[in-house]
Amino acid sequence: MVIRRGYVIISVMNILPRPQIIQALETLGVLAHQQAHTIELVVMGGAAMVLMYNARPATRDVDVLIQSPRARLVRQLAKQVAQQFDLPLDWLNDGAKGYLVGLSQGDIVFSAPGILVKTPAVAQLLAMKLSAWRDDVDIDDARHLLQNLEGTRPQVWAEVEPYLVPGAQLKAQYAFLDLWEDVYGAD
């Protein structure tokens, strides 16, 4: 099914709600466990917002950094899951790793036999959203993440700044200032 909005065409078939993400991750873990592997993923983007906070009902894909085992094996298993559940072949997307600047320690958001899924720290997730700052979804996600950090504006910025994507620092700083004012008012 395709919905037309002006010149933008949005496919509603490529939306992954939380239950479907969990089912796909569980199945991915089962497949890995059958081969005596444990998959370790770091989830980010919309999938992190869905799994960590239930901040939105769905996402387009599950952006991850594959930590183990080999990325090639995980991609093969993810394709099997896609075929089993009629998901897009790229439902598990490891292309977002290019937006990681270092890797912070976050929370475990999902685990089952054969799979462990964690997130970067909230400050790093916020840095990625501020660096992207593409649309209302990024803004809403960033607002939610900001509200989960404690401290003054300079303190929070100091936590976020080391994780900004090179070349996007100024855009991220302006986005942060606008977002801070929107959430907490002017200092």
Foldseek 3Di string as FASTA:
>chain_A
DWDDDPPDIDDPQQKAFPVNVQVLQQQLQVVQVVVVAAWEKAWADPVCCCQVPVLDGTDRATEIATPDDDPVVSLVSSQVSCVVVVHPSCNYPPPCVLLWQDFAFAAFRDDDRRYTYGYGHLLLNLLSLLLCVDDPVSLSSNLVSVVVDDDDLVVSCVSNQSTHGPPSNVSSVVSSQVSCCVNPNDD
